[in-house]
Amino acid sequence: MPLRSFRKILRKGRRDLHDHMKVPALYIAFEGAEPVPVDVRDHSRFVGTGDMGSRVKGYAEVAEVTPKIIFFRDRLEDARYGSIFSVAPGEAYRVERTDPPNDETRTAYVTPLSAAEAEGLPLPEEV
């Protein structure tokens, strides 16, 4: 299969996945900035580190959450450090860093804001 058609298949698969898993969000670059509507995929997953293959649970095993936001670059090229994705009442994320572009998408590693910190942020349904 030629590389061009394989890339085309991957792009279609990513678009289909995004269309099924996306949630509306607002990207707020800095305090006072105009919110930008963008569809995102929220990935909050547990990542196991340590001796996870062992049947005996020990002190060397840790499970940590690595929250990420994935978005398409045609709506937002990049997310700057400290910017915010507002998703729903009481749910927002602060950007810590972003990966280099992955073809049409970009991944931002984020920290969830507390409900108090997210209070008062504009919401996608308000724009």
C-alpha atoms as a PDB file:
ATOM      1  CA  MET A   1       0.000   0.000   0.000  1.00  0.00           C
ATOM      2  CA  PRO A   2       1.498   3.347  -0.975  1.00  0.00           C
ATOM      3  CA  LEU A   3       2.412   5.670   1.884  1.00  0.00           C
ATOM      4  CA  ARG A   4       0.059   8.366   0.620  1.00  0.00           C
ATOM      5  CA  SER A   5      -3.015   6.132   0.818  1.00  0.00           C
ATOM      6  CA  PHE A   6      -1.944   4.790   4.248  1.00  0.00           C
ATOM      7  CA  ARG A   7      -1.658   8.348   5.568  1.00  0.00           C
ATOM      8  CA  LYS A   8      -5.077   9.108   4.119  1.00  0.00           C
ATOM      9  CA  ILE A   9      -6.538   6.087   5.954  1.00  0.00           C
ATOM     10  CA  LEU A  10      -4.906   7.188   9.231  1.00  0.00           C
ATOM     11  CA  ARG A  11      -6.284  10.708   8.848  1.00  0.00           C
ATOM     12  CA  LYS A  12      -9.786   9.411   8.222  1.00  0.00           C
ATOM     13  CA  GLY A  13      -9.521   7.111  11.245  1.00  0.00           C
ATOM     14  CA  ARG A  14      -8.374   9.973  13.473  1.00  0.00           C
ATOM     15  CA  ARG A  15     -11.212  12.189  12.239  1.00  0.00           C
ATOM     16  CA  ASP A  16     -13.792   9.440  12.815  1.00  0.00           C
ATOM     17  CA  LEU A  17     -12.465   8.769  16.333  1.00  0.00           C
ATOM     18  CA  HIS A  18     -12.445  12.486  17.123  1.00  0.00           C
ATOM     19  CA  ASP A  19     -16.002  12.918  15.823  1.00  0.00           C
ATOM     20  CA  HIS A  20     -17.242  10.157  18.155  1.00  0.00           C
ATOM     21  CA  MET A  21     -15.290  11.197  21.272  1.00  0.00           C
ATOM     22  CA  LYS A  22     -15.152  14.987  21.001  1.00  0.00           C
ATOM     23  CA  VAL A  23     -16.598  17.386  23.521  1.00  0.00           C
ATOM     24  CA  PRO A  24     -17.023  21.118  22.960  1.00  0.00           C
ATOM     25  CA  ALA A  25     -14.584  23.338  24.834  1.00  0.00           C
ATOM     26  CA  LEU A  26     -13.353  26.902  24.938  1.00  0.00           C
ATOM     27  CA  TYR A  27      -9.661  27.676  24.629  1.00  0.00           C
ATOM     28  CA  ILE A  28      -8.677  30.711  26.709  1.00  0.00           C
ATOM     29  CA  ALA A  29      -5.119  31.761  25.847  1.00  0.00           C
ATOM     30  CA  PHE A  30      -4.737  34.167  28.785  1.00  0.00           C
ATOM     31  CA  GLU A  31      -6.877  36.106  31.250  1.00  0.00           C
ATOM     32  CA  GLY A  32      -9.091  38.508  29.332  1.00  0.00           C
ATOM     33  CA  ALA A  33      -8.505  36.798  25.957  1.00  0.00           C
ATOM     34  CA  GLU A  34     -11.420  36.068  23.654  1.00  0.00           C
ATOM     35  CA  PRO A  35     -12.420  32.379  24.124  1.00  0.00           C
ATOM     36  CA  VAL A  36     -11.946  30.215  21.021  1.00  0.00           C
ATOM     37  CA  PRO A  37     -14.470  27.383  20.481  1.00  0.00           C
ATOM     38  CA  VAL A  38     -12.709  24.077  19.793  1.00  0.00           C
ATOM     39  CA  ASP A  39     -13.702  20.401  19.932  1.00  0.00           C
ATOM     40  CA  VAL A  40     -11.352  18.332  22.097  1.00  0.00           C
ATOM     41  CA  ARG A  41     -10.851  14.788  23.314  1.00  0.00           C
ATOM     42  CA  ASP A  42     -10.250  14.546  27.044  1.00  0.00           C
ATOM     43  CA  HIS A  43      -7.909  11.679  27.923  1.00  0.00           C
ATOM     44  CA  SER A  44      -7.534  11.081  31.643  1.00  0.00           C
ATOM     45  CA  ARG A  45      -5.955   7.680  32.059  1.00  0.00           C
ATOM     46  CA  PHE A  46      -4.059   5.757  34.662  1.00  0.00           C
ATOM     47  CA  VAL A  47      -0.473   4.928  33.834  1.00  0.00           C
ATOM     48  CA  GLY A  48       1.143   2.156  35.825  1.00  0.00           C
ATOM     49  CA  THR A  49       4.806   2.442  36.728  1.00  0.00           C
ATOM     50  CA  GLY A  50       7.066   0.070  38.579  1.00  0.00           C
ATOM     51  CA  ASP A  51       6.887  -3.724  38.749  1.00  0.00           C
ATOM     52  CA  MET A  52       3.362  -3.973  37.298  1.00  0.00           C
ATOM     53  CA  GLY A  53       3.864  -7.530  36.038  1.00  0.00           C
ATOM     54  CA  SER A  54       4.240  -8.959  39.510  1.00  0.00           C
ATOM     55  CA  ARG A  55       1.350 -10.803  41.133  1.00  0.00           C
ATOM     56  CA  VAL A  56       2.442  -9.575  44.540  1.00  0.00           C
ATOM     57  CA  LYS A  57       1.595  -5.939  45.134  1.00  0.00           C
ATOM     58  CA  GLY A  58       4.543  -4.038  46.475  1.00  0.00           C
ATOM     59  CA  TYR A  59       5.704  -0.590  47.364  1.00  0.00           C
ATOM     60  CA  ALA A  60       7.418  -0.172  43.973  1.00  0.00           C
ATOM     61  CA  GLU A  61       4.133   0.096  42.086  1.00  0.00           C
ATOM     62  CA  VAL A  62       2.463   3.407  41.424  1.00  0.00           C
ATOM     63  CA  ALA A  63      -0.541   4.340  39.296  1.00  0.00           C
ATOM     64  CA  GLU A  64      -0.696   7.944  38.207  1.00  0.00           C
ATOM     65  CA  VAL A  65      -3.090   9.947  36.079  1.00  0.00           C
ATOM     66  CA  THR A  66      -1.752  11.708  32.999  1.00  0.00           C
ATOM     67  CA  PRO A  67      -4.555  13.991  31.774  1.00  0.00           C
ATOM     68  CA  LYS A  68      -4.308  15.106  28.152  1.00  0.00           C
ATOM     69  CA  ILE A  69      -6.383  17.141  25.740  1.00  0.00           C
ATOM     70  CA  ILE A  70      -6.182  16.302  22.023  1.00  0.00           C
ATOM     71  CA  PHE A  71      -7.357  18.785  19.411  1.00  0.00           C
ATOM     72  CA  PHE A  72      -7.168  19.276  15.651  1.00  0.00           C
ATOM     73  CA  ARG A  73      -4.779  21.930  14.405  1.00  0.00           C
ATOM     74  CA  ASP A  74      -7.232  23.294  11.829  1.00  0.00           C
ATOM     75  CA  ARG A  75      -9.162  24.889  14.724  1.00  0.00           C
ATOM     76  CA  LEU A  76      -6.237  25.686  17.023  1.00  0.00           C
ATOM     77  CA  GLU A  77      -2.584  25.471  15.992  1.00  0.00           C
ATOM     78  CA  ASP A  78      -1.099  25.259  19.484  1.00  0.00           C
ATOM     79  CA  ALA A  79      -1.991  25.707  23.152  1.00  0.00           C
ATOM     80  CA  ARG A  80       0.360  27.928  25.126  1.00  0.00           C
ATOM     81  CA  TYR A  81       1.670  27.200  28.621  1.00  0.00           C
ATOM     82  CA  GLY A  82      -0.799  28.380  31.262  1.00  0.00           C
ATOM     83  CA  SER A  83      -3.748  28.642  28.879  1.00  0.00           C
ATOM     84  CA  ILE A  84      -7.062  27.036  29.828  1.00  0.00           C
ATOM     85  CA  PHE A  85      -9.544  24.667  28.209  1.00  0.00           C
ATOM     86  CA  SER A  86     -13.003  25.226  29.723  1.00  0.00           C
ATOM     87  CA  VAL A  87     -15.186  22.149  29.112  1.00  0.00           C
ATOM     88  CA  ALA A  88     -18.191  22.187  31.462  1.00  0.00           C
ATOM     89  CA  PRO A  89     -19.335  23.780  34.728  1.00  0.00           C
ATOM     90  CA  GLY A  90     -16.609  22.974  37.256  1.00  0.00           C
ATOM     91  CA  GLU A  91     -14.431  21.251  34.617  1.00  0.00           C
ATOM     92  CA  ALA A  92     -11.439  23.051  33.142  1.00  0.00           C
ATOM     93  CA  TYR A  93      -7.785  22.266  32.482  1.00  0.00           C
ATOM     94  CA  ARG A  94      -4.578  24.323  32.557  1.00  0.00           C
ATOM     95  CA  VAL A  95      -2.001  23.549  29.850  1.00  0.00           C
ATOM     96  CA  GLU A  96       1.416  22.478  31.127  1.00  0.00           C
ATOM     97  CA  ARG A  97       3.058  21.562  27.819  1.00  0.00           C
ATOM     98  CA  THR A  98       2.242  20.353  24.315  1.00  0.00           C
ATOM     99  CA  ASP A  99       3.737  17.676  22.117  1.00  0.00           C
ATOM    100  CA  PRO A 100       4.971  18.546  18.636  1.00  0.00           C
ATOM    101  CA  PRO A 101       2.256  18.226  15.973  1.00  0.00           C
ATOM    102  CA  ASN A 102       1.178  14.696  15.098  1.00  0.00           C
ATOM    103  CA  ASP A 103       0.066  15.300  11.513  1.00  0.00           C
ATOM    104  CA  GLU A 104      -3.329  16.988  11.991  1.00  0.00           C
ATOM    105  CA  THR A 105      -3.543  16.842  15.793  1.00  0.00           C
ATOM    106  CA  ARG A 106      -1.706  18.172  18.794  1.00  0.00           C
ATOM    107  CA  THR A 107      -1.680  16.828  22.351  1.00  0.00           C
ATOM    108  CA  ALA A 108      -1.623  19.122  25.372  1.00  0.00           C
ATOM    109  CA  TYR A 109      -0.675  17.754  28.797  1.00  0.00           C
ATOM    110  CA  VAL A 110      -2.922  19.456  31.303  1.00  0.00           C
ATOM    111  CA  THR A 111      -3.680  19.836  34.995  1.00  0.00           C
ATOM    112  CA  PRO A 112      -7.328  19.786  36.087  1.00  0.00           C
ATOM    113  CA  LEU A 113      -8.474  22.964  37.819  1.00  0.00           C
ATOM    114  CA  SER A 114     -10.392  22.700  41.066  1.00  0.00           C
ATOM    115  CA  ALA A 115     -14.101  23.506  40.946  1.00  0.00           C
ATOM    116  CA  ALA A 116     -13.341  26.817  42.681  1.00  0.00           C
ATOM    117  CA  GLU A 117     -10.684  27.719  40.078  1.00  0.00           C
ATOM    118  CA  ALA A 118     -13.032  26.765  37.216  1.00  0.00           C
ATOM    119  CA  GLU A 119     -15.922  28.784  38.630  1.00  0.00           C
ATOM    120  CA  GLY A 120     -16.803  31.791  36.508  1.00  0.00           C
ATOM    121  CA  LEU A 121     -14.962  30.636  33.387  1.00  0.00           C
ATOM    122  CA  PRO A 122     -16.937  30.966  30.152  1.00  0.00           C
ATOM    123  CA  LEU A 123     -18.558  27.724  28.977  1.00  0.00           C
ATOM    124  CA  PRO A 124     -18.914  26.328  25.437  1.00  0.00           C
ATOM    125  CA  GLU A 125     -22.715  26.580  25.479  1.00  0.00           C
ATOM    126  CA  GLU A 126     -22.471  30.299  26.317  1.00  0.00           C
ATOM    127  CA  VAL A 127     -20.529  31.239  23.177  1.00  0.00           C
END
